[in-house]
Amino acid sequence: MELSLKFVNFESSELKDNPLNDPFIRKIGIIEPEDPIGKPIIFYLSGYLSSSLSMLNYDPLSQDLFSRISRLMAESKIKGSIVVLPDMFTKVGGNQYINSKAVGNYENFLFNELIPFFKDKYKSQALGLIGKSSGGYGSIVLAMKHKVDSIAVHSADSYFEYVYLPEFPRVINNLRKYSSPEDWLNEYWKKDNKKRKEDLNTLNIIGMSAFYSPSDDGKILLPFDLDTGEIIDSIWKKWLEKDPVRMIEKYHENLSRTKIFMDVGIKDEFNIQYGMRILHSKMKKLGIEHNYEEYNDGHLNTSYRLDISLSFVEKSLYEIIQ
């Protein structure tokens, strides 16, 4: 079976007039099998500091997603589904796939616009999400809040105490020179070299603040005092409310209707293995069926795990439509 790669520009009403003036016309990549009508749809959600479209980039040391899917089909490990790669990059460095008054309505963009459009276009009745890191966060959080038939959650941001707290002291000195996070962002995007580690760490924490703790009028509220470093409890609480290990108590019924695969490397550089273990433990206690694996690797360069997750999600989706 032959695959084709297509691109569309999607004009979003939800993203018009977004607070960061990011594009509201978004480029979407589509990996399409032969005779796609009625076949399952899988959305791939990228990690932070990236776009899902980057999964199509040539990499001489790995496989791009188009090549990987082609190989898996040739090996009869998957049948072929429509794989959608939405560009959802923002000026705060990426996306957590939830609505934010400081960033925009990206959850609405996905579930009110993109997903209905593609389900109607392909007459598909089965929806899957696959993501890693921030994309893994998006996959599980969106499945908690919406109807999603199957998800694969690779190393999702979870148990924020271990994932984010260690980063706070590392970015305070970089931020305290500026009047606000917005001021730092404006200066950052003027720079030639945007990949200095201290800047990327700072961008990440500003981005998380923009998604987890925006003010009612759209300002980015940091969860710590820039003079003393003290955690601001009222703001940190807003972060914890969006932590999957806390959210699962409220939203577990939706997950009970979803086919779930989760994995994490035991050497994860961002301590995500602990959050994933907590999620796994809570899901067992709540009676949520899921497949969970730990493997001997870190957070980066683990796209080979997609061989497992693509097969799992696609098989789950074909069981629905057959």
C-alpha atoms as a PDB file:
ATOM      1  CA  MET A   1       0.000   0.000   0.000  1.00  0.00           C
ATOM      2  CA  GLU A   2       1.347   3.406  -0.995  1.00  0.00           C
ATOM      3  CA  LEU A   3       1.429   6.404   1.317  1.00  0.00           C
ATOM      4  CA  SER A   4       1.169  10.040   0.307  1.00  0.00           C
ATOM      5  CA  LEU A   5       2.245  13.158   2.171  1.00  0.00           C
ATOM      6  CA  LYS A   6       0.013  16.192   1.877  1.00  0.00           C
ATOM      7  CA  PHE A   7      -0.144  19.632   3.449  1.00  0.00           C
ATOM      8  CA  VAL A   8      -3.049  21.975   4.010  1.00  0.00           C
ATOM      9  CA  ASN A   9      -3.280  25.473   5.437  1.00  0.00           C
ATOM     10  CA  PHE A  10      -6.086  25.564   7.979  1.00  0.00           C
ATOM     11  CA  GLU A  11      -7.612  28.917   8.945  1.00  0.00           C
ATOM     12  CA  SER A  12      -8.736  28.842  12.569  1.00  0.00           C
ATOM     13  CA  SER A  13     -11.471  30.986  14.054  1.00  0.00           C
ATOM     14  CA  GLU A  14     -10.410  29.875  17.538  1.00  0.00           C
ATOM     15  CA  LEU A  15      -6.874  31.229  17.087  1.00  0.00           C
ATOM     16  CA  LYS A  16      -7.794  34.571  15.542  1.00  0.00           C
ATOM     17  CA  ASP A  17      -6.743  37.462  17.787  1.00  0.00           C
ATOM     18  CA  ASN A  18      -4.725  35.128  20.032  1.00  0.00           C
ATOM     19  CA  PRO A  19      -2.785  37.021  22.736  1.00  0.00           C
ATOM     20  CA  LEU A  20       0.658  36.345  21.226  1.00  0.00           C
ATOM     21  CA  ASN A  21      -0.313  37.224  17.659  1.00  0.00           C
ATOM     22  CA  ASP A  22       0.800  33.770  16.573  1.00  0.00           C
ATOM     23  CA  PRO A  23      -0.452  32.588  13.164  1.00  0.00           C
ATOM     24  CA  PHE A  24      -4.125  31.654  12.995  1.00  0.00           C
ATOM     25  CA  ILE A  25      -3.587  29.989   9.624  1.00  0.00           C
ATOM     26  CA  ARG A  26      -1.783  26.768  10.499  1.00  0.00           C
ATOM     27  CA  LYS A  27       0.101  24.333   8.292  1.00  0.00           C
ATOM     28  CA  ILE A  28      -1.057  20.756   8.778  1.00  0.00           C
ATOM     29  CA  GLY A  29       0.784  17.705   7.500  1.00  0.00           C
ATOM     30  CA  ILE A  30      -1.194  14.592   6.577  1.00  0.00           C
ATOM     31  CA  ILE A  31       0.253  11.132   5.991  1.00  0.00           C
ATOM     32  CA  GLU A  32      -2.482   9.455   3.991  1.00  0.00           C
ATOM     33  CA  PRO A  33      -2.818   5.768   3.051  1.00  0.00           C
ATOM     34  CA  GLU A  34      -4.495   4.531  -0.101  1.00  0.00           C
ATOM     35  CA  ASP A  35      -8.300   4.617   0.033  1.00  0.00           C
ATOM     36  CA  PRO A  36      -8.314   6.688   3.264  1.00  0.00           C
ATOM     37  CA  ILE A  37     -12.085   7.110   3.586  1.00  0.00           C
ATOM     38  CA  GLY A  38     -13.364   5.453   6.751  1.00  0.00           C
ATOM     39  CA  LYS A  39      -9.928   4.675   8.147  1.00  0.00           C
ATOM     40  CA  PRO A  40      -8.822   5.730  11.643  1.00  0.00           C
ATOM     41  CA  ILE A  41      -7.289   9.136  12.294  1.00  0.00           C
ATOM     42  CA  ILE A  42      -4.260   9.559  14.549  1.00  0.00           C
ATOM     43  CA  PHE A  43      -3.069  13.011  15.619  1.00  0.00           C
ATOM     44  CA  TYR A  44       0.575  13.331  16.599  1.00  0.00           C
ATOM     45  CA  LEU A  45       1.262  16.018  19.244  1.00  0.00           C
ATOM     46  CA  SER A  46       4.853  17.204  19.459  1.00  0.00           C
ATOM     47  CA  GLY A  47       6.957  17.893  22.509  1.00  0.00           C
ATOM     48  CA  TYR A  48       7.893  21.364  23.701  1.00  0.00           C
ATOM     49  CA  LEU A  49      10.331  23.493  21.674  1.00  0.00           C
ATOM     50  CA  SER A  50       9.125  21.655  18.584  1.00  0.00           C
ATOM     51  CA  SER A  51       6.337  21.255  16.060  1.00  0.00           C
ATOM     52  CA  SER A  52       4.672  18.052  14.906  1.00  0.00           C
ATOM     53  CA  LEU A  53       5.828  18.925  11.383  1.00  0.00           C
ATOM     54  CA  SER A  54       9.424  18.371  12.539  1.00  0.00           C
ATOM     55  CA  MET A  55       8.629  14.638  12.664  1.00  0.00           C
ATOM     56  CA  LEU A  56       8.849  14.727   8.868  1.00  0.00           C
ATOM     57  CA  ASN A  57      12.408  16.088   8.815  1.00  0.00           C
ATOM     58  CA  TYR A  58      15.179  14.001   7.274  1.00  0.00           C
ATOM     59  CA  ASP A  59      17.446  12.501   9.954  1.00  0.00           C
ATOM     60  CA  PRO A  60      20.377  10.354   8.791  1.00  0.00           C
ATOM     61  CA  LEU A  61      20.615   8.772  12.252  1.00  0.00           C
ATOM     62  CA  SER A  62      16.940   7.903  12.651  1.00  0.00           C
ATOM     63  CA  GLN A  63      13.693   7.616  10.690  1.00  0.00           C
ATOM     64  CA  ASP A  64      11.308  10.425   9.929  1.00  0.00           C
ATOM     65  CA  LEU A  65       7.687   9.582  10.656  1.00  0.00           C
ATOM     66  CA  PHE A  66       6.709   9.076   7.003  1.00  0.00           C
ATOM     67  CA  SER A  67       9.532   6.550   6.532  1.00  0.00           C
ATOM     68  CA  ARG A  68       8.728   4.851   9.826  1.00  0.00           C
ATOM     69  CA  ILE A  69       5.074   4.387   8.928  1.00  0.00           C
ATOM     70  CA  SER A  70       6.034   3.116   5.458  1.00  0.00           C
ATOM     71  CA  ARG A  71       8.367   0.539   7.021  1.00  0.00           C
ATOM     72  CA  LEU A  72       5.814  -0.572   9.622  1.00  0.00           C
ATOM     73  CA  MET A  73       3.261  -1.115   6.871  1.00  0.00           C
ATOM     74  CA  ALA A  74       5.782  -3.081   4.783  1.00  0.00           C
ATOM     75  CA  GLU A  75       6.463  -5.240   7.850  1.00  0.00           C
ATOM     76  CA  SER A  76       2.682  -5.747   8.326  1.00  0.00           C
ATOM     77  CA  LYS A  77       2.886  -4.212  11.801  1.00  0.00           C
ATOM     78  CA  ILE A  78       0.235  -1.633  10.935  1.00  0.00           C
ATOM     79  CA  LYS A  79      -2.480  -1.499   8.262  1.00  0.00           C
ATOM     80  CA  GLY A  80      -2.360   2.232   7.568  1.00  0.00           C
ATOM     81  CA  SER A  81      -4.209   5.143   9.129  1.00  0.00           C
ATOM     82  CA  ILE A  82      -4.509   8.844   8.469  1.00  0.00           C
ATOM     83  CA  VAL A  83      -1.818  10.541  10.565  1.00  0.00           C
ATOM     84  CA  VAL A  84      -2.295  14.273  11.121  1.00  0.00           C
ATOM     85  CA  LEU A  85       0.619  16.504  12.122  1.00  0.00           C
ATOM     86  CA  PRO A  86      -0.613  19.942  13.197  1.00  0.00           C
ATOM     87  CA  ASP A  87       1.829  22.828  13.591  1.00  0.00           C
ATOM     88  CA  MET A  88       0.928  24.297  16.990  1.00  0.00           C
ATOM     89  CA  PHE A  89       4.166  26.100  17.832  1.00  0.00           C
ATOM     90  CA  THR A  90       3.771  29.366  19.747  1.00  0.00           C
ATOM     91  CA  LYS A  91       5.972  32.269  20.844  1.00  0.00           C
ATOM     92  CA  VAL A  92       6.250  30.734  24.317  1.00  0.00           C
ATOM     93  CA  GLY A  93       8.139  27.815  22.795  1.00  0.00           C
ATOM     94  CA  GLY A  94       5.545  25.169  22.110  1.00  0.00           C
ATOM     95  CA  ASN A  95       2.183  23.945  23.309  1.00  0.00           C
ATOM     96  CA  GLN A  96       0.569  22.094  26.193  1.00  0.00           C
ATOM     97  CA  TYR A  97      -2.615  21.658  24.108  1.00  0.00           C
ATOM     98  CA  ILE A  98      -4.918  23.343  26.613  1.00  0.00           C
ATOM     99  CA  ASN A  99      -6.705  26.692  26.434  1.00  0.00           C
ATOM    100  CA  SER A 100      -4.862  29.641  27.926  1.00  0.00           C
ATOM    101  CA  LYS A 101      -5.771  33.312  28.237  1.00  0.00           C
ATOM    102  CA  ALA A 102      -2.077  34.126  27.762  1.00  0.00           C
ATOM    103  CA  VAL A 103      -1.509  31.937  24.680  1.00  0.00           C
ATOM    104  CA  GLY A 104      -4.773  31.061  22.949  1.00  0.00           C
ATOM    105  CA  ASN A 105      -7.511  28.443  22.680  1.00  0.00           C
ATOM    106  CA  TYR A 106      -5.469  25.529  21.364  1.00  0.00           C
ATOM    107  CA  GLU A 107      -7.636  22.876  22.991  1.00  0.00           C
ATOM    108  CA  ASN A 108     -10.647  24.390  21.245  1.00  0.00           C
ATOM    109  CA  PHE A 109      -8.656  24.591  18.019  1.00  0.00           C
ATOM    110  CA  LEU A 110      -8.069  20.846  18.167  1.00  0.00           C
ATOM    111  CA  PHE A 111     -11.466  19.633  19.335  1.00  0.00           C
ATOM    112  CA  ASN A 112     -13.818  22.247  17.889  1.00  0.00           C
ATOM    113  CA  GLU A 113     -12.113  22.695  14.546  1.00  0.00           C
ATOM    114  CA  LEU A 114      -9.304  20.377  13.440  1.00  0.00           C
ATOM    115  CA  ILE A 115     -10.619  17.026  14.650  1.00  0.00           C
ATOM    116  CA  PRO A 116     -14.202  17.570  13.368  1.00  0.00           C
ATOM    117  CA  PHE A 117     -12.812  18.779  10.030  1.00  0.00           C
ATOM    118  CA  PHE A 118     -10.675  15.690   9.479  1.00  0.00           C
ATOM    119  CA  LYS A 119     -13.247  13.244  10.819  1.00  0.00           C
ATOM    120  CA  ASP A 120     -15.770  14.677   8.371  1.00  0.00           C
ATOM    121  CA  LYS A 121     -13.276  14.802   5.485  1.00  0.00           C
ATOM    122  CA  TYR A 122     -12.361  11.130   5.882  1.00  0.00           C
ATOM    123  CA  LYS A 123     -15.692   9.908   7.266  1.00  0.00           C
ATOM    124  CA  SER A 124     -13.759   8.423  10.163  1.00  0.00           C
ATOM    125  CA  GLN A 125     -15.309   7.141  13.377  1.00  0.00           C
ATOM    126  CA  ALA A 126     -12.107   6.382  15.301  1.00  0.00           C
ATOM    127  CA  LEU A 127      -9.710   8.926  16.825  1.00  0.00           C
ATOM    128  CA  GLY A 128      -6.301   8.397  18.387  1.00  0.00           C
ATOM    129  CA  LEU A 129      -3.694  10.718  19.927  1.00  0.00           C
ATOM    130  CA  ILE A 130       0.019  10.027  20.208  1.00  0.00           C
ATOM    131  CA  GLY A 131       2.479  12.367  21.881  1.00  0.00           C
ATOM    132  CA  LYS A 132       5.716  12.586  23.782  1.00  0.00           C
ATOM    133  CA  SER A 133       6.663  14.912  26.656  1.00  0.00           C
ATOM    134  CA  SER A 134       4.359  17.943  26.258  1.00  0.00           C
ATOM    135  CA  GLY A 135       2.624  15.984  23.511  1.00  0.00           C
ATOM    136  CA  GLY A 136       2.201  13.085  25.929  1.00  0.00           C
ATOM    137  CA  TYR A 137       0.757  15.546  28.435  1.00  0.00           C
ATOM    138  CA  GLY A 138      -1.658  16.756  25.775  1.00  0.00           C
ATOM    139  CA  SER A 139      -2.644  13.220  24.829  1.00  0.00           C
ATOM    140  CA  ILE A 140      -3.626  12.117  28.317  1.00  0.00           C
ATOM    141  CA  VAL A 141      -5.142  15.413  29.482  1.00  0.00           C
ATOM    142  CA  LEU A 142      -7.247  15.772  26.337  1.00  0.00           C
ATOM    143  CA  ALA A 143      -8.415  12.169  26.661  1.00  0.00           C
ATOM    144  CA  MET A 144      -9.476  12.954  30.226  1.00  0.00           C
ATOM    145  CA  LYS A 145     -11.638  15.836  29.019  1.00  0.00           C
ATOM    146  CA  HIS A 146     -12.884  14.656  25.602  1.00  0.00           C
ATOM    147  CA  LYS A 147     -13.879  11.476  23.812  1.00  0.00           C
ATOM    148  CA  VAL A 148     -10.699   9.907  22.430  1.00  0.00           C
ATOM    149  CA  ASP A 149     -10.724   6.248  21.459  1.00  0.00           C
ATOM    150  CA  SER A 150      -7.046   5.427  21.952  1.00  0.00           C
ATOM    151  CA  ILE A 151      -3.924   7.248  23.165  1.00  0.00           C
ATOM    152  CA  ALA A 152      -0.199   6.648  23.420  1.00  0.00           C
ATOM    153  CA  VAL A 153       1.505   8.649  26.148  1.00  0.00           C
ATOM    154  CA  HIS A 154       5.279   8.818  25.913  1.00  0.00           C
ATOM    155  CA  SER A 155       7.040  10.416  28.917  1.00  0.00           C
ATOM    156  CA  ALA A 156       4.267  12.900  29.681  1.00  0.00           C
ATOM    157  CA  ASP A 157       4.908  15.929  31.899  1.00  0.00           C
ATOM    158  CA  SER A 158       3.564  14.712  35.233  1.00  0.00           C
ATOM    159  CA  TYR A 159       4.191  15.127  38.950  1.00  0.00           C
ATOM    160  CA  PHE A 160       5.246  18.732  38.538  1.00  0.00           C
ATOM    161  CA  GLU A 161       7.265  18.811  41.760  1.00  0.00           C
ATOM    162  CA  TYR A 162       9.962  16.712  40.116  1.00  0.00           C
ATOM    163  CA  VAL A 163       9.642  17.943  36.526  1.00  0.00           C
ATOM    164  CA  TYR A 164       9.571  21.705  36.985  1.00  0.00           C
ATOM    165  CA  LEU A 165      10.724  22.658  40.485  1.00  0.00           C
ATOM    166  CA  PRO A 166      14.388  21.769  39.786  1.00  0.00           C
ATOM    167  CA  GLU A 167      14.316  24.238  36.880  1.00  0.00           C
ATOM    168  CA  PHE A 168      13.042  27.232  38.848  1.00  0.00           C
ATOM    169  CA  PRO A 169      16.353  28.263  40.483  1.00  0.00           C
ATOM    170  CA  ARG A 170      18.143  27.911  37.130  1.00  0.00           C
ATOM    171  CA  VAL A 171      16.013  30.540  35.402  1.00  0.00           C
ATOM    172  CA  ILE A 172      15.529  33.148  38.125  1.00  0.00           C
ATOM    173  CA  ASN A 173      18.755  35.038  37.381  1.00  0.00           C
ATOM    174  CA  ASN A 174      17.913  35.100  33.686  1.00  0.00           C
ATOM    175  CA  LEU A 175      14.433  36.481  34.372  1.00  0.00           C
ATOM    176  CA  ARG A 176      15.043  38.971  37.163  1.00  0.00           C
ATOM    177  CA  LYS A 177      16.828  41.328  34.771  1.00  0.00           C
ATOM    178  CA  TYR A 178      13.514  41.994  33.044  1.00  0.00           C
ATOM    179  CA  SER A 179      10.352  43.777  34.105  1.00  0.00           C
ATOM    180  CA  SER A 180       8.072  40.863  33.178  1.00  0.00           C
ATOM    181  CA  PRO A 181       8.047  37.480  31.402  1.00  0.00           C
ATOM    182  CA  GLU A 182       6.563  39.244  28.394  1.00  0.00           C
ATOM    183  CA  ASP A 183       9.517  41.665  28.367  1.00  0.00           C
ATOM    184  CA  TRP A 184      11.949  38.714  28.390  1.00  0.00           C
ATOM    185  CA  LEU A 185      10.026  37.064  25.526  1.00  0.00           C
ATOM    186  CA  ASN A 186      10.206  40.201  23.398  1.00  0.00           C
ATOM    187  CA  GLU A 187      13.974  40.375  23.840  1.00  0.00           C
ATOM    188  CA  TYR A 188      14.404  36.650  23.266  1.00  0.00           C
ATOM    189  CA  TRP A 189      12.770  36.730  19.825  1.00  0.00           C
ATOM    190  CA  LYS A 190      15.145  39.520  18.749  1.00  0.00           C
ATOM    191  CA  LYS A 191      18.185  37.301  19.334  1.00  0.00           C
ATOM    192  CA  ASP A 192      20.115  35.584  16.572  1.00  0.00           C
ATOM    193  CA  ASN A 193      21.095  32.578  18.663  1.00  0.00           C
ATOM    194  CA  LYS A 194      17.884  31.243  20.187  1.00  0.00           C
ATOM    195  CA  LYS A 195      19.248  27.870  21.303  1.00  0.00           C
ATOM    196  CA  ARG A 196      21.420  28.783  24.289  1.00  0.00           C
ATOM    197  CA  LYS A 197      20.565  26.332  27.053  1.00  0.00           C
ATOM    198  CA  GLU A 198      19.828  28.966  29.697  1.00  0.00           C
ATOM    199  CA  ASP A 199      17.453  30.709  27.302  1.00  0.00           C
ATOM    200  CA  LEU A 200      15.669  27.482  26.381  1.00  0.00           C
ATOM    201  CA  ASN A 201      15.249  26.641  30.082  1.00  0.00           C
ATOM    202  CA  THR A 202      13.817  30.105  30.688  1.00  0.00           C
ATOM    203  CA  LEU A 203      11.528  29.867  27.665  1.00  0.00           C
ATOM    204  CA  ASN A 204      10.231  26.525  28.942  1.00  0.00           C
ATOM    205  CA  ILE A 205       9.300  27.884  32.370  1.00  0.00           C
ATOM    206  CA  ILE A 206       7.710  31.003  30.871  1.00  0.00           C
ATOM    207  CA  GLY A 207       5.752  28.744  28.523  1.00  0.00           C
ATOM    208  CA  MET A 208       4.527  26.502  31.315  1.00  0.00           C
ATOM    209  CA  SER A 209       3.509  29.599  33.295  1.00  0.00           C
ATOM    210  CA  ALA A 210       1.605  30.879  30.267  1.00  0.00           C
ATOM    211  CA  PHE A 211      -0.370  27.630  30.001  1.00  0.00           C
ATOM    212  CA  TYR A 212      -0.758  26.729  33.679  1.00  0.00           C
ATOM    213  CA  SER A 213      -1.092  30.074  35.461  1.00  0.00           C
ATOM    214  CA  PRO A 214      -2.207  32.920  33.203  1.00  0.00           C
ATOM    215  CA  SER A 215      -4.006  35.801  34.883  1.00  0.00           C
ATOM    216  CA  ASP A 216      -7.616  36.552  34.004  1.00  0.00           C
ATOM    217  CA  ASP A 217      -6.430  39.403  31.782  1.00  0.00           C
ATOM    218  CA  GLY A 218      -3.886  37.252  29.960  1.00  0.00           C
ATOM    219  CA  LYS A 219      -0.649  38.083  31.759  1.00  0.00           C
ATOM    220  CA  ILE A 220       1.948  35.363  32.392  1.00  0.00           C
ATOM    221  CA  LEU A 221       2.217  34.766  36.135  1.00  0.00           C
ATOM    222  CA  LEU A 222       5.394  33.084  37.366  1.00  0.00           C
ATOM    223  CA  PRO A 223       5.047  30.670  40.330  1.00  0.00           C
ATOM    224  CA  PHE A 224       8.025  32.112  42.233  1.00  0.00           C
ATOM    225  CA  ASP A 225       9.241  35.450  43.521  1.00  0.00           C
ATOM    226  CA  LEU A 226      12.079  36.802  41.374  1.00  0.00           C
ATOM    227  CA  ASP A 227      13.796  38.522  44.311  1.00  0.00           C
ATOM    228  CA  THR A 228      13.808  35.716  46.867  1.00  0.00           C
ATOM    229  CA  GLY A 229      12.944  32.625  44.823  1.00  0.00           C
ATOM    230  CA  GLU A 230      10.088  31.790  47.182  1.00  0.00           C
ATOM    231  CA  ILE A 231       7.283  29.717  45.676  1.00  0.00           C
ATOM    232  CA  ILE A 232       4.050  31.695  45.383  1.00  0.00           C
ATOM    233  CA  ASP A 233       1.553  29.167  46.706  1.00  0.00           C
ATOM    234  CA  SER A 234      -1.542  30.615  45.036  1.00  0.00           C
ATOM    235  CA  ILE A 235       0.083  30.429  41.592  1.00  0.00           C
ATOM    236  CA  TRP A 236       1.829  27.103  42.133  1.00  0.00           C
ATOM    237  CA  LYS A 237      -1.567  25.694  43.097  1.00  0.00           C
ATOM    238  CA  LYS A 238      -2.840  26.574  39.609  1.00  0.00           C
ATOM    239  CA  TRP A 239      -0.003  24.517  38.143  1.00  0.00           C
ATOM    240  CA  LEU A 240      -0.781  21.521  40.328  1.00  0.00           C
ATOM    241  CA  GLU A 241      -4.442  21.639  39.324  1.00  0.00           C
ATOM    242  CA  LYS A 242      -3.272  20.908  35.760  1.00  0.00           C
ATOM    243  CA  ASP A 243      -0.944  18.053  36.755  1.00  0.00           C
ATOM    244  CA  PRO A 244      -2.211  14.735  35.298  1.00  0.00           C
ATOM    245  CA  VAL A 245      -1.522  12.911  38.578  1.00  0.00           C
ATOM    246  CA  ARG A 246      -4.033  15.261  40.246  1.00  0.00           C
ATOM    247  CA  MET A 247      -6.477  15.552  37.346  1.00  0.00           C
ATOM    248  CA  ILE A 248      -6.964  11.809  37.061  1.00  0.00           C
ATOM    249  CA  GLU A 249      -9.112  11.658  40.196  1.00  0.00           C
ATOM    250  CA  LYS A 250     -11.642  13.997  38.578  1.00  0.00           C
ATOM    251  CA  TYR A 251     -11.527  12.694  35.005  1.00  0.00           C
ATOM    252  CA  HIS A 252     -10.903   8.969  35.390  1.00  0.00           C
ATOM    253  CA  GLU A 253     -14.300   7.935  33.985  1.00  0.00           C
ATOM    254  CA  ASN A 254     -13.416   9.271  30.525  1.00  0.00           C
ATOM    255  CA  LEU A 255     -10.114   7.411  30.557  1.00  0.00           C
ATOM    256  CA  SER A 256     -11.940   4.184  31.376  1.00  0.00           C
ATOM    257  CA  ARG A 257     -13.410   4.347  27.870  1.00  0.00           C
ATOM    258  CA  THR A 258     -10.027   4.862  26.186  1.00  0.00           C
ATOM    259  CA  LYS A 259      -7.457   2.296  25.057  1.00  0.00           C
ATOM    260  CA  ILE A 260      -4.208   3.477  26.641  1.00  0.00           C
ATOM    261  CA  PHE A 261      -0.507   2.802  26.091  1.00  0.00           C
ATOM    262  CA  MET A 262       2.043   4.584  28.312  1.00  0.00           C
ATOM    263  CA  ASP A 263       5.805   4.351  28.551  1.00  0.00           C
ATOM    264  CA  VAL A 264       8.833   6.178  29.969  1.00  0.00           C
ATOM    265  CA  GLY A 265      12.594   5.779  30.108  1.00  0.00           C
ATOM    266  CA  ILE A 266      13.998   4.909  33.518  1.00  0.00           C
ATOM    267  CA  LYS A 267      16.834   7.420  32.968  1.00  0.00           C
ATOM    268  CA  ASP A 268      14.590  10.355  32.062  1.00  0.00           C
ATOM    269  CA  GLU A 269      16.624  13.562  32.456  1.00  0.00           C
ATOM    270  CA  PHE A 270      13.548  15.499  33.615  1.00  0.00           C
ATOM    271  CA  ASN A 271      12.505  12.988  36.304  1.00  0.00           C
ATOM    272  CA  ILE A 272       9.352  12.117  34.383  1.00  0.00           C
ATOM    273  CA  GLN A 273       9.656   8.423  35.231  1.00  0.00           C
ATOM    274  CA  TYR A 274       8.325   9.205  38.715  1.00  0.00           C
ATOM    275  CA  GLY A 275       5.251  11.020  37.464  1.00  0.00           C
ATOM    276  CA  MET A 276       4.517   8.233  35.017  1.00  0.00           C
ATOM    277  CA  ARG A 277       4.867   5.637  37.776  1.00  0.00           C
ATOM    278  CA  ILE A 278       2.446   7.626  39.930  1.00  0.00           C
ATOM    279  CA  LEU A 279      -0.019   7.833  37.037  1.00  0.00           C
ATOM    280  CA  HIS A 280       0.332   4.092  36.445  1.00  0.00           C
ATOM    281  CA  SER A 281      -0.264   3.366  40.144  1.00  0.00           C
ATOM    282  CA  LYS A 282      -3.319   5.635  40.361  1.00  0.00           C
ATOM    283  CA  MET A 283      -4.789   4.185  37.200  1.00  0.00           C
ATOM    284  CA  LYS A 284      -4.450   0.674  38.597  1.00  0.00           C
ATOM    285  CA  LYS A 285      -6.202   1.739  41.813  1.00  0.00           C
ATOM    286  CA  LEU A 286      -8.980   3.406  39.826  1.00  0.00           C
ATOM    287  CA  GLY A 287      -9.451   0.308  37.663  1.00  0.00           C
ATOM    288  CA  ILE A 288      -8.402   2.022  34.420  1.00  0.00           C
ATOM    289  CA  GLU A 289      -7.116  -0.584  31.990  1.00  0.00           C
ATOM    290  CA  HIS A 290      -3.862   0.426  30.327  1.00  0.00           C
ATOM    291  CA  ASN A 291      -0.562  -0.891  29.022  1.00  0.00           C
ATOM    292  CA  TYR A 292       2.470   0.531  30.822  1.00  0.00           C
ATOM    293  CA  GLU A 293       6.160  -0.012  30.047  1.00  0.00           C
ATOM    294  CA  GLU A 294       9.454   1.307  31.359  1.00  0.00           C
ATOM    295  CA  TYR A 295      12.562   0.963  29.211  1.00  0.00           C
ATOM    296  CA  ASN A 296      16.295   1.481  29.661  1.00  0.00           C
ATOM    297  CA  ASP A 297      16.769   4.938  28.153  1.00  0.00           C
ATOM    298  CA  GLY A 298      16.357   8.657  28.799  1.00  0.00           C
ATOM    299  CA  HIS A 299      14.027  11.359  27.508  1.00  0.00           C
ATOM    300  CA  LEU A 300      15.710  12.200  24.215  1.00  0.00           C
ATOM    301  CA  ASN A 301      16.146  10.287  20.954  1.00  0.00           C
ATOM    302  CA  THR A 302      13.543   7.652  21.718  1.00  0.00           C
ATOM    303  CA  SER A 303      11.457   7.856  18.553  1.00  0.00           C
ATOM    304  CA  TYR A 304      12.015   4.106  18.111  1.00  0.00           C
ATOM    305  CA  ARG A 305       9.283   3.666  20.729  1.00  0.00           C
ATOM    306  CA  LEU A 306       6.803   4.849  18.097  1.00  0.00           C
ATOM    307  CA  ASP A 307       7.025   1.387  16.523  1.00  0.00           C
ATOM    308  CA  ILE A 308       5.161   0.112  19.580  1.00  0.00           C
ATOM    309  CA  SER A 309       2.731   2.966  20.096  1.00  0.00           C
ATOM    310  CA  LEU A 310       1.658   3.351  16.472  1.00  0.00           C
ATOM    311  CA  SER A 311       0.871  -0.346  16.318  1.00  0.00           C
ATOM    312  CA  PHE A 312      -1.037  -0.263  19.620  1.00  0.00           C
ATOM    313  CA  VAL A 313      -3.144   2.786  18.801  1.00  0.00           C
ATOM    314  CA  GLU A 314      -3.927   1.740  15.260  1.00  0.00           C
ATOM    315  CA  LYS A 315      -4.959  -1.771  16.314  1.00  0.00           C
ATOM    316  CA  SER A 316      -7.250  -0.293  18.990  1.00  0.00           C
ATOM    317  CA  LEU A 317      -8.863   2.011  16.440  1.00  0.00           C
ATOM    318  CA  TYR A 318      -9.431  -0.690  13.821  1.00  0.00           C
ATOM    319  CA  GLU A 319     -11.186  -2.778  16.477  1.00  0.00           C
ATOM    320  CA  ILE A 320     -13.716   0.049  16.764  1.00  0.00           C
ATOM    321  CA  ILE A 321     -14.497   0.380  13.060  1.00  0.00           C
ATOM    322  CA  GLN A 322     -14.570  -3.334  12.197  1.00  0.00           C
END
